[in-house]
Protein backbone atom coordinates (compact mmCIF):
# COMPACT_ATOMS: atom_id res chain seq x y z
CA UNK A 1 -1.70 12.10 9.61
CA UNK A 2 -1.40 8.36 9.00
CA UNK A 3 -4.17 6.46 7.21
CA UNK A 4 -3.19 2.79 7.70
CA UNK A 5 -4.66 1.66 11.02
CA UNK A 6 -2.70 0.29 13.98
CA UNK A 7 -4.09 -2.63 16.00
CA UNK A 8 -2.51 -3.17 19.42
CA UNK A 9 -2.71 -6.34 21.51
CA UNK A 10 -3.54 -5.52 25.12
CA UNK A 11 -1.91 -7.23 28.10
CA UNK A 12 -0.14 -6.47 31.39
CA UNK A 13 2.15 -3.89 29.75
CA UNK A 14 -0.73 -1.88 28.31
CA UNK A 15 -3.59 -2.17 30.79
CA UNK A 16 -3.12 1.04 32.77
CA UNK A 17 -5.04 4.17 31.89
CA UNK A 18 -1.82 6.15 31.52
CA UNK A 19 -0.26 3.75 29.00
CA UNK A 20 -3.52 3.35 27.08
CA UNK A 21 -3.87 7.14 26.80
CA UNK A 22 -0.37 7.47 25.38
CA UNK A 23 -0.91 4.58 22.95
CA UNK A 24 -4.07 6.24 21.64
CA UNK A 25 -2.29 9.58 21.27
CA UNK A 26 0.60 7.89 19.46
CA UNK A 27 -1.65 6.16 16.92
CA UNK A 28 -3.54 3.12 18.27
CA UNK A 29 -6.83 2.71 16.40
CA UNK A 30 -8.04 -0.70 17.62
CA UNK A 31 -7.39 -2.53 20.91
CA UNK A 32 -7.14 -6.31 20.55
CA UNK A 33 -7.76 -8.86 23.35
CA UNK A 34 -6.69 -12.52 23.09
CA UNK A 35 -9.30 -14.52 25.01
CA UNK A 36 -7.00 -17.54 25.05
CA UNK A 37 -4.56 -15.64 27.26
CA UNK A 38 -6.60 -13.03 29.14
CA UNK A 39 -9.29 -13.38 31.82
CA UNK A 40 -12.73 -12.01 30.97
CA UNK A 41 -12.60 -9.71 33.99
CA UNK A 42 -9.30 -8.21 32.77
CA UNK A 43 -10.79 -7.55 29.31
CA UNK A 44 -13.91 -5.94 30.75
CA UNK A 45 -11.96 -3.61 33.04
CA UNK A 46 -9.58 -2.44 30.29
CA UNK A 47 -12.45 -1.88 27.83
CA UNK A 48 -14.11 0.41 30.37
CA UNK A 49 -10.88 2.39 30.65
CA UNK A 50 -10.72 2.72 26.86
CA UNK A 51 -14.30 3.97 26.67
CA UNK A 52 -13.51 6.62 29.29
CA UNK A 53 -10.46 7.69 27.30
CA UNK A 54 -12.58 7.93 24.13
CA UNK A 55 -14.66 10.60 25.85
CA UNK A 56 -11.61 12.40 27.17
CA UNK A 57 -9.68 12.40 23.88
CA UNK A 58 -12.67 12.68 21.50
CA UNK A 59 -11.55 9.60 19.58
CA UNK A 60 -13.21 6.31 18.67
CA UNK A 61 -11.13 3.19 19.41
CA UNK A 62 -12.32 -0.13 18.00
CA UNK A 63 -12.42 -3.20 20.24
CA UNK A 64 -11.36 -6.60 18.86
CA UNK A 65 -11.47 -10.01 20.53
CA UNK A 66 -9.53 -13.08 19.37
CA UNK A 67 -11.46 -16.26 20.17
CA UNK A 68 -9.65 -19.51 20.93
CA UNK A 69 -10.80 -21.61 17.98
CA UNK A 70 -10.40 -25.42 17.90
CA UNK A 71 -6.90 -25.10 19.27
CA UNK A 72 -4.41 -27.77 20.33
CA UNK A 73 -2.42 -26.78 23.40
CA UNK A 74 0.13 -28.19 25.83
CA UNK A 75 -1.15 -28.93 29.34
CA UNK A 76 0.46 -27.76 32.56
CA UNK A 77 4.24 -28.30 32.80
CA UNK A 78 6.25 -28.42 36.01
CA UNK A 79 7.80 -24.97 36.61
CA UNK A 80 6.02 -23.72 33.48
CA UNK A 81 8.56 -25.03 30.98
CA UNK A 82 10.74 -28.03 30.17
CA UNK A 83 13.71 -28.63 27.86
CA UNK A 84 13.42 -31.58 25.47
CA UNK A 85 16.78 -32.98 24.34
CA UNK A 86 17.36 -34.13 20.77
CA UNK A 87 16.85 -37.90 20.22
CA UNK A 88 15.09 -38.29 23.57
CA UNK A 89 11.72 -40.04 23.77
CA UNK A 90 8.59 -38.42 25.15
CA UNK A 91 5.10 -39.73 25.94
CA UNK A 92 2.10 -37.65 24.81
CA UNK A 93 -1.26 -38.18 26.48
CA UNK A 94 -4.76 -36.76 26.78
CA UNK A 95 -4.72 -37.44 30.50
CA UNK A 96 -4.17 -34.51 32.84
CA UNK A 97 -0.61 -34.81 34.11
CA UNK A 98 2.01 -32.33 35.22
CA UNK A 99 4.41 -32.31 32.30
CA UNK A 100 8.07 -33.33 32.49
CA UNK A 101 10.76 -34.13 29.93
CA UNK A 102 9.38 -37.69 29.88
CA UNK A 103 5.63 -37.11 29.57
CA UNK A 104 3.32 -34.20 28.73
CA UNK A 105 -0.38 -33.60 28.20
CA UNK A 106 -1.58 -32.43 24.79
CA UNK A 107 -5.04 -30.89 25.18
CA UNK A 108 -6.77 -32.34 22.15
CA UNK A 109 -9.67 -34.76 22.77
CA UNK A 110 -9.13 -36.60 19.48
CA UNK A 111 -5.37 -36.95 19.94
CA UNK A 112 -5.31 -40.75 19.65
CA UNK A 113 -7.91 -40.80 16.88
CA UNK A 114 -6.41 -38.16 14.58
CA UNK A 115 -2.62 -38.47 15.10
CA UNK A 116 -0.80 -41.19 13.13
CA UNK A 117 2.65 -42.75 13.36
CA UNK A 118 4.98 -40.56 11.32
CA UNK A 119 3.11 -37.32 12.07
CA UNK A 120 5.10 -34.30 13.27
CA UNK A 121 4.14 -32.16 16.28
CA UNK A 122 5.68 -28.69 16.50
CA UNK A 123 6.10 -26.78 19.77
CA UNK A 124 7.36 -23.30 20.68
CA UNK A 125 6.43 -21.71 17.34
CA UNK A 126 8.02 -24.60 15.43
CA UNK A 127 11.37 -24.54 17.23
CA UNK A 128 10.83 -27.97 18.81
CA UNK A 129 9.93 -30.94 16.57
CA UNK A 130 8.62 -34.29 17.79
CA UNK A 131 7.96 -37.19 15.41
CA UNK A 132 5.45 -39.88 16.44
CA UNK A 133 7.09 -43.31 16.53
CA UNK A 134 4.52 -45.49 18.32
CA UNK A 135 0.80 -45.38 19.08
CA UNK A 136 -1.28 -47.40 21.51
CA UNK A 137 -4.74 -47.12 23.03
CA UNK A 138 -3.88 -44.48 25.63
CA UNK A 139 -0.64 -42.69 24.62
CA UNK A 140 1.64 -41.70 21.78
CA UNK A 141 5.41 -42.07 21.90
CA UNK A 142 7.49 -39.49 20.09
CA UNK A 143 11.14 -38.89 19.30
CA UNK A 144 12.53 -35.35 19.69
CA UNK A 145 14.07 -34.44 16.33
CA UNK A 146 14.79 -30.77 17.13
CA UNK A 147 15.42 -29.87 20.75
CA UNK A 148 14.38 -26.86 22.78
CA UNK A 149 12.05 -25.48 25.43
CA UNK A 150 8.30 -26.08 25.50
CA UNK A 151 5.96 -24.10 27.74
CA UNK A 152 2.71 -24.68 29.62
CA UNK A 153 -0.44 -23.98 27.59
CA UNK A 154 1.40 -23.04 24.37
CA UNK A 155 -0.12 -23.87 20.97
CA UNK A 156 0.84 -27.18 19.37
CA UNK A 157 1.06 -27.20 15.57
CA UNK A 158 0.39 -30.41 13.68
CA UNK A 159 0.93 -29.76 9.95
CA UNK A 160 -1.63 -31.39 7.65
CA UNK A 161 -3.82 -32.34 10.63
CA UNK A 162 -7.49 -32.40 9.66
CA UNK A 163 -8.69 -31.11 13.03
CA UNK A 164 -11.90 -33.00 13.78
CA UNK A 165 -13.05 -30.80 16.65
CA UNK A 166 -16.24 -28.78 16.28
CA UNK A 167 -15.35 -25.14 15.73
CA UNK A 168 -17.95 -23.96 18.20
CA UNK A 169 -16.99 -26.07 21.17
CA UNK A 170 -18.16 -24.93 24.59
CA UNK A 171 -15.19 -22.62 25.21
CA UNK A 172 -15.58 -20.90 21.85
CA UNK A 173 -19.30 -20.39 22.39
CA UNK A 174 -18.45 -18.78 25.72
CA UNK A 175 -15.90 -16.51 23.99
CA UNK A 176 -18.45 -15.33 21.43
CA UNK A 177 -21.22 -14.82 23.98
CA UNK A 178 -18.77 -12.75 26.05
CA UNK A 179 -17.95 -10.72 22.92
CA UNK A 180 -21.66 -10.03 22.43
CA UNK A 181 -22.03 -9.09 26.09
CA UNK A 182 -19.16 -6.59 25.82
CA UNK A 183 -20.59 -5.16 22.57
CA UNK A 184 -17.23 -5.38 20.83
CA UNK A 185 -16.68 -4.26 17.23
CA UNK A 186 -14.53 -7.02 15.69
CA UNK A 187 -14.16 -10.74 16.38
CA UNK A 188 -10.95 -12.32 15.06
CA UNK A 189 -11.62 -16.00 14.35
CA UNK A 190 -8.69 -18.21 15.30
CA UNK A 191 -7.71 -21.49 13.62
CA UNK A 192 -10.46 -21.40 11.00
CA UNK A 193 -10.23 -24.35 8.62
CA UNK A 194 -12.86 -23.53 5.98
CA UNK A 195 -15.96 -21.47 5.23
CA UNK A 196 -18.15 -23.68 7.43
CA UNK A 197 -16.33 -22.48 10.55
CA UNK A 198 -17.14 -18.87 9.62
CA UNK A 199 -20.77 -19.80 8.93
CA UNK A 200 -21.06 -21.45 12.36
CA UNK A 201 -20.01 -18.23 14.07
CA UNK A 202 -22.30 -16.16 11.86
CA UNK A 203 -25.23 -18.40 12.78
CA UNK A 204 -24.47 -18.04 16.49
CA UNK A 205 -24.42 -14.24 16.18
CA UNK A 206 -27.76 -14.32 14.34
CA UNK A 207 -29.25 -16.59 17.02
CA UNK A 208 -28.25 -13.94 19.56
CA UNK A 209 -29.69 -11.07 17.48
CA UNK A 210 -26.27 -9.57 16.79
CA UNK A 211 -25.78 -8.20 13.27
CA UNK A 212 -23.14 -5.72 14.35
CA UNK A 213 -19.92 -7.58 15.25
CA UNK A 214 -17.65 -7.81 12.21
CA UNK A 215 -15.82 -11.09 11.60
CA UNK A 216 -12.09 -10.95 10.88
CA UNK A 217 -10.93 -14.42 9.82
CA UNK A 218 -7.32 -15.25 10.67
CA UNK A 219 -5.38 -17.10 7.98
CA UNK A 220 -3.24 -19.52 9.98
CA UNK A 221 -3.08 -22.82 8.08
CA UNK A 222 -3.03 -24.40 4.63
CA UNK A 223 -6.67 -25.50 4.81
CA UNK A 224 -7.68 -21.85 5.12
CA UNK A 225 -5.75 -20.99 1.96
CA UNK A 226 -7.49 -23.82 0.09
CA UNK A 227 -10.88 -22.23 0.84
CA UNK A 228 -9.67 -18.61 0.70
CA UNK A 229 -12.16 -17.14 -1.79
CA UNK A 230 -15.18 -18.47 0.09
CA UNK A 231 -13.76 -17.35 3.43
CA UNK A 232 -13.17 -13.83 2.12
CA UNK A 233 -16.73 -13.69 0.81
CA UNK A 234 -18.19 -14.65 4.20
CA UNK A 235 -15.90 -12.46 6.32
CA UNK A 236 -15.76 -8.71 6.92
CA UNK A 237 -11.99 -8.84 6.91
CA UNK A 238 -8.96 -11.11 6.79
CA UNK A 239 -5.95 -11.14 9.12
CA UNK A 240 -2.75 -12.75 7.85
CA UNK A 241 -1.52 -14.27 11.12
CA UNK A 242 2.04 -14.95 10.07
CA UNK A 243 3.14 -16.58 13.33
CA UNK A 244 1.01 -19.70 13.14
CA UNK A 245 0.98 -19.67 9.34
CA UNK A 246 4.78 -19.60 9.31
CA UNK A 247 4.87 -22.73 11.46
CA UNK A 248 2.33 -24.61 9.34
CA UNK A 249 3.99 -23.73 6.00
CA UNK A 250 7.57 -23.20 4.81
CA UNK A 251 8.52 -19.77 6.11
CA UNK A 252 9.89 -18.61 2.74
CA UNK A 253 6.38 -18.76 1.32
CA UNK A 254 4.99 -16.13 3.72
CA UNK A 255 5.82 -12.93 1.76
CA UNK A 256 4.15 -14.23 -1.40
CA UNK A 257 1.11 -15.46 0.51
CA UNK A 258 0.80 -12.09 2.25
CA UNK A 259 0.79 -10.20 -1.05
CA UNK A 260 -1.65 -12.62 -2.68
CA UNK A 261 -4.12 -12.56 0.21
CA UNK A 262 -4.03 -8.78 0.70
CA UNK A 263 -4.65 -8.29 -3.05
CA UNK A 264 -7.66 -10.63 -2.99
CA UNK A 265 -9.08 -9.02 0.14
CA UNK A 266 -8.67 -5.53 -1.25
CA UNK A 267 -10.32 -6.46 -4.54
CA UNK A 268 -13.27 -7.86 -2.58
CA UNK A 269 -13.56 -4.51 -0.72
CA UNK A 270 -12.96 -6.21 2.64
CA UNK A 271 -10.60 -5.25 5.47
CA UNK A 272 -7.03 -6.56 5.20
CA UNK A 273 -4.72 -6.86 8.23
CA UNK A 274 -1.14 -8.06 8.64
CA UNK A 275 0.04 -9.30 12.05
CA UNK A 276 2.85 -11.03 13.97
CA UNK A 277 6.40 -9.89 14.75
CA UNK A 278 6.15 -6.63 12.82
CA UNK A 279 8.32 -4.88 15.42
CA UNK A 280 9.23 -7.94 17.52
CA UNK A 281 12.57 -6.61 18.72
CA UNK A 282 10.75 -3.71 20.40
CA UNK A 283 9.42 -6.13 22.98
CA UNK A 284 12.79 -5.57 24.68
CA UNK A 285 14.47 -2.74 22.74
CA UNK A 286 13.52 0.90 22.13
CA UNK A 287 14.45 0.71 18.45
CA UNK A 288 13.31 -1.79 15.80
CA UNK A 289 15.61 -3.58 13.38
CA UNK A 290 15.91 -2.26 9.84
CA UNK A 291 14.26 -5.44 8.55
CA UNK A 292 11.24 -4.79 10.77
CA UNK A 293 10.93 -1.25 9.43
CA UNK A 294 10.94 -2.66 5.90
CA UNK A 295 8.30 -5.22 6.89
CA UNK A 296 5.84 -2.55 8.08
CA UNK A 297 6.63 -0.36 5.08
CA UNK A 298 5.93 -3.21 2.65
CA UNK A 299 2.62 -4.07 4.34
CA UNK A 300 1.48 -0.48 3.77
CA UNK A 301 2.63 -0.64 0.15
CA UNK A 302 0.72 -3.92 -0.26
CA UNK A 303 -2.43 -1.86 0.61
CA UNK A 304 -3.18 -3.44 3.97
CA UNK A 305 -5.88 -1.55 5.87
CA UNK A 306 -4.17 -2.22 9.18
CA UNK A 307 -0.99 -3.56 10.73
CA UNK A 308 -0.84 -5.18 14.15
CA UNK A 309 1.38 -5.14 17.21
CA UNK A 310 1.29 -8.23 19.43
CA UNK A 311 3.71 -8.97 22.25
CA UNK A 312 5.32 -5.56 21.59
CA UNK A 313 2.36 -3.88 23.32
CA UNK A 314 0.86 -6.71 25.41
CA UNK A 315 3.92 -7.82 27.40
CA UNK A 316 6.75 -5.72 25.95
CA UNK A 317 8.80 -3.17 27.84
CA UNK A 318 8.09 -0.31 25.41
CA UNK A 319 4.43 -0.42 24.28
CA UNK A 320 4.08 3.33 23.72
CA UNK A 321 7.36 3.57 21.81
CA UNK A 322 6.28 0.62 19.61
CA UNK A 323 3.05 2.39 18.62
CA UNK A 324 4.92 5.64 17.96
CA UNK A 325 7.48 3.84 15.79
CA UNK A 326 4.77 2.02 13.85
CA UNK A 327 2.98 5.31 13.20
CA UNK A 328 6.17 6.97 11.94
CA UNK A 329 6.93 4.12 9.53
CA UNK A 330 3.36 4.16 8.19
CA UNK A 331 3.43 7.93 7.71
CA UNK A 332 6.67 7.75 5.75
CA UNK A 333 5.39 4.91 3.55
CA UNK A 334 2.17 6.76 2.79
CA UNK A 335 4.12 9.84 1.74
CA UNK A 336 5.87 7.71 -0.89
CA UNK A 337 2.83 5.88 -2.27
CA UNK A 338 1.97 6.37 -5.96
CA UNK A 339 -1.68 7.26 -5.44
CA UNK A 340 -2.43 7.86 -9.12
CA UNK A 341 -1.14 4.42 -10.11
CA UNK A 342 -3.05 2.76 -7.27
CA UNK A 343 -6.28 4.49 -8.27
CA UNK A 344 -5.89 3.46 -11.89
CA UNK A 345 -5.29 -0.18 -10.98
CA UNK A 346 -8.22 -0.32 -8.56
CA UNK A 347 -10.59 1.35 -11.00
CA UNK A 348 -10.00 -1.43 -13.52
CA UNK A 349 -11.46 -3.98 -11.07
CA UNK A 350 -14.32 -1.88 -9.67
CA UNK A 351 -18.02 -1.89 -10.55
CA UNK A 352 -19.07 0.88 -12.92
CA UNK A 353 -22.04 2.14 -10.87
CA UNK A 354 -22.93 5.63 -9.59
CA UNK A 355 -21.48 5.31 -6.04
CA UNK A 356 -18.24 3.81 -7.40
CA UNK A 357 -17.95 6.51 -10.05
CA UNK A 358 -18.44 9.28 -7.49
CA UNK A 359 -15.92 7.69 -5.11
CA UNK A 360 -13.44 7.41 -7.97
CA UNK A 361 -14.02 11.04 -8.95
CA UNK A 362 -13.54 12.22 -5.37
CA UNK A 363 -10.20 10.43 -5.01
CA UNK A 364 -9.08 11.44 -8.50
CA UNK A 365 -9.68 15.11 -7.66
CA UNK A 366 -7.63 14.68 -4.47
CA UNK A 367 -4.74 13.40 -6.60
CA UNK A 368 -4.78 16.50 -8.82
CA UNK A 369 -5.85 19.28 -6.46
CA UNK A 370 -4.46 19.98 -3.00
CA UNK A 371 -7.46 18.63 -1.11
CA UNK A 372 -6.93 18.56 2.67
CA UNK A 373 -9.73 16.14 3.54
CA UNK A 374 -12.76 14.26 2.30
CA UNK A 375 -15.87 14.49 4.48
CA UNK A 376 -18.23 11.57 3.80
CA UNK A 377 -21.73 11.79 5.24
CA UNK A 378 -22.89 8.19 5.63
CA UNK A 379 -25.51 6.22 7.52
CA UNK A 380 -24.31 2.68 6.86
CA UNK A 381 -20.61 3.44 6.26
CA UNK A 382 -20.86 2.38 2.60
CA UNK A 383 -19.72 5.75 1.24
CA UNK A 384 -16.62 5.88 3.45
CA UNK A 385 -15.70 2.25 2.70
CA UNK A 386 -16.01 2.81 -1.04
CA UNK A 387 -13.73 5.87 -0.90
CA UNK A 388 -11.30 4.05 1.40
CA UNK A 389 -10.86 1.25 -1.14
CA UNK A 390 -9.56 3.77 -3.72
CA UNK A 391 -6.80 4.79 -1.26
CA UNK A 392 -7.15 8.58 -1.14
CA UNK A 393 -4.05 10.62 -0.35
CA UNK A 394 -5.86 12.60 2.36
CA UNK A 395 -7.94 11.55 5.40
CA UNK A 396 -11.63 10.65 5.09
CA UNK A 397 -13.77 12.06 7.91
CA UNK A 398 -16.84 9.80 7.98
CA UNK A 399 -19.82 11.36 9.76
CA UNK A 400 -22.74 9.16 10.76
CA UNK A 401 -25.67 9.42 13.18
CA UNK A 402 -25.33 5.67 13.81
CA UNK A 403 -22.96 4.81 16.68
CA UNK A 404 -22.48 1.24 15.44
CA UNK A 405 -21.50 2.54 11.99
CA UNK A 406 -18.95 4.91 13.52
CA UNK A 407 -17.31 2.11 15.51
CA UNK A 408 -17.34 -0.27 12.54
CA UNK A 409 -15.15 2.10 10.51
CA UNK A 410 -12.20 2.13 12.91
CA UNK A 411 -10.32 -0.51 10.87
CA UNK A 412 -10.79 1.02 7.41
CA UNK A 413 -7.81 2.70 5.76
CA UNK A 414 -7.84 6.49 6.02
CA UNK A 415 -11.25 6.77 7.73
CA UNK A 416 -11.71 8.94 10.82
CA UNK A 417 -15.22 8.10 12.08
CA UNK A 418 -17.26 10.82 13.80
CA UNK A 419 -20.71 10.60 15.39
CA UNK A 420 -23.02 13.28 13.96
CA UNK A 421 -26.66 14.29 13.90
CA UNK A 422 -29.12 13.16 11.21
CA UNK A 423 -29.13 15.59 8.29
CA UNK A 424 -32.40 16.76 6.78
CA UNK A 425 -31.13 18.70 3.77
CA UNK A 426 -28.03 18.78 1.59
CA UNK A 427 -27.36 22.33 2.81
CA UNK A 428 -27.31 21.00 6.37
CA UNK A 429 -24.85 18.29 5.34
CA UNK A 430 -22.54 20.83 3.73
CA UNK A 431 -22.70 23.31 6.60
CA UNK A 432 -22.21 20.77 9.40
CA UNK A 433 -19.55 18.71 7.62
CA UNK A 434 -17.61 21.87 6.90
CA UNK A 435 -17.65 22.74 10.59
CA UNK A 436 -16.41 19.26 11.49
CA UNK A 437 -13.53 19.51 9.00
CA UNK A 438 -12.40 22.86 10.41
CA UNK A 439 -12.66 21.55 13.97
CA UNK A 440 -10.72 18.31 13.42
CA UNK A 441 -8.03 19.48 10.99
CA UNK A 442 -5.71 22.45 10.89
CA UNK A 443 -7.22 24.18 7.87
CA UNK A 444 -6.12 27.59 6.65
CA UNK A 445 -7.79 30.17 4.48
CA UNK A 446 -8.14 29.03 0.84
CA UNK A 447 -7.69 25.34 1.78
CA UNK A 448 -10.04 22.97 -0.06
CA UNK A 449 -11.99 19.93 1.14
CA UNK A 450 -14.59 17.69 -0.50
CA UNK A 451 -18.00 16.84 0.91
CA UNK A 452 -19.74 13.75 -0.42
CA UNK A 453 -22.56 11.45 0.58
CA UNK A 454 -26.05 10.29 -0.17
CA UNK A 455 -29.27 12.27 0.17
CA UNK A 456 -31.97 11.55 1.11
CA UNK A 457 -30.74 8.99 3.67
CA UNK A 458 -33.28 6.44 2.45
CA UNK A 459 -31.42 6.28 -0.87
CA UNK A 460 -28.52 4.35 0.81
CA UNK A 461 -26.14 5.37 -2.00
CA UNK A 462 -23.59 8.11 -2.64
CA UNK A 463 -25.10 10.59 -5.10
CA UNK A 464 -23.37 13.95 -4.68
CA UNK A 465 -20.00 15.64 -4.13
CA UNK A 466 -19.00 19.24 -3.61
CA UNK A 467 -15.65 21.03 -3.32
CA UNK A 468 -15.54 23.63 -0.53
CA UNK A 469 -12.99 26.33 0.23
CA UNK A 470 -12.13 27.67 3.66
CA UNK A 471 -13.02 31.37 3.80
């Protein structure tokens, strides 16, 4: 049973009930919806299908939205795409025009204010490069330095641009209000520049009496890296969005940045995700490349909580096979992890309090005794999150009477969240948790599992553990 979570982008290839069911059965833990590409009605309808499948399959699937952020995009282009030849000139404007090889719209209100002569604009994930040669009161003139196709509504990257747009423009407010309306679990914040962008979103959630949605900040530009520690502190998790980041920065820097960010996020006891092109070839092929397999494997070894599939599952030909392949790679990597070394390294950076000490003891016992599962009784999710950080070698079944808590744990490494009743005594915890373990896992006579949690519930801290044997 894998412990690293799989996030799947949803789109036309994965919107049917049949495909969604198979993706869940093959290992999907969180369904992700890009509001910059999908209609609200599409998202709502697919979410309803997922909730029905949760009841059918007795699983909890997290729901994540990506907002648009203060993005810069191409306007509409004739026939949806145009080829720009090297050394050709092109006019860039804010005006709404149908784009051709001679003139295109760049949807950025401060285009003429913020862009300078000499600046570079990157299209098609950095494949097409245009350098600004002239600037007047209504347009920019650029020279195509690297040729290629550009597409309608694609993201435009402008390295070193200090984007002067408000983070919460009208479209982003609409995205977040829609997320609240749909009662989603995670909001992935796109094109964040600094901690103030995260604070703006937090304030909007508070204004709307929502203290439940968890914020996953996407690291997509150099400004984000400059303010990384503050962003981690204010976020519930961090997603290393390597596609946009790899356009903004030299691509050879990505592996080092990934390792650095995941390490910082893990030390802060926040959720760490890695995304973009993890199994990109499976958009059109049934088998991944060997390099892609190594990429997923290394993300698991870096201690990411989750890895993400994008176009592989949203528009790809083989969404179910992509999830199955991702699950198999994760499972193999987790079999080869040095859990004792990981625990020792994490312990050296952890607080020396009672809950941390109990969590450490629980995971340490799992490393030395053949423990089949940890059952963590938790109201807030704190117990399960603390154990998850220590990277146990067996699954953590987190029982909680709080539905929001159960859904919030769908991204945490190794945690299988289960809705339970409220326990009144420790004996009740032990009896009921034992029943859940036997029901969810294939346990045999003499198998051992650990029950841990906090009692009474008002204590809000882990304060006991007990080793049980199947009789």
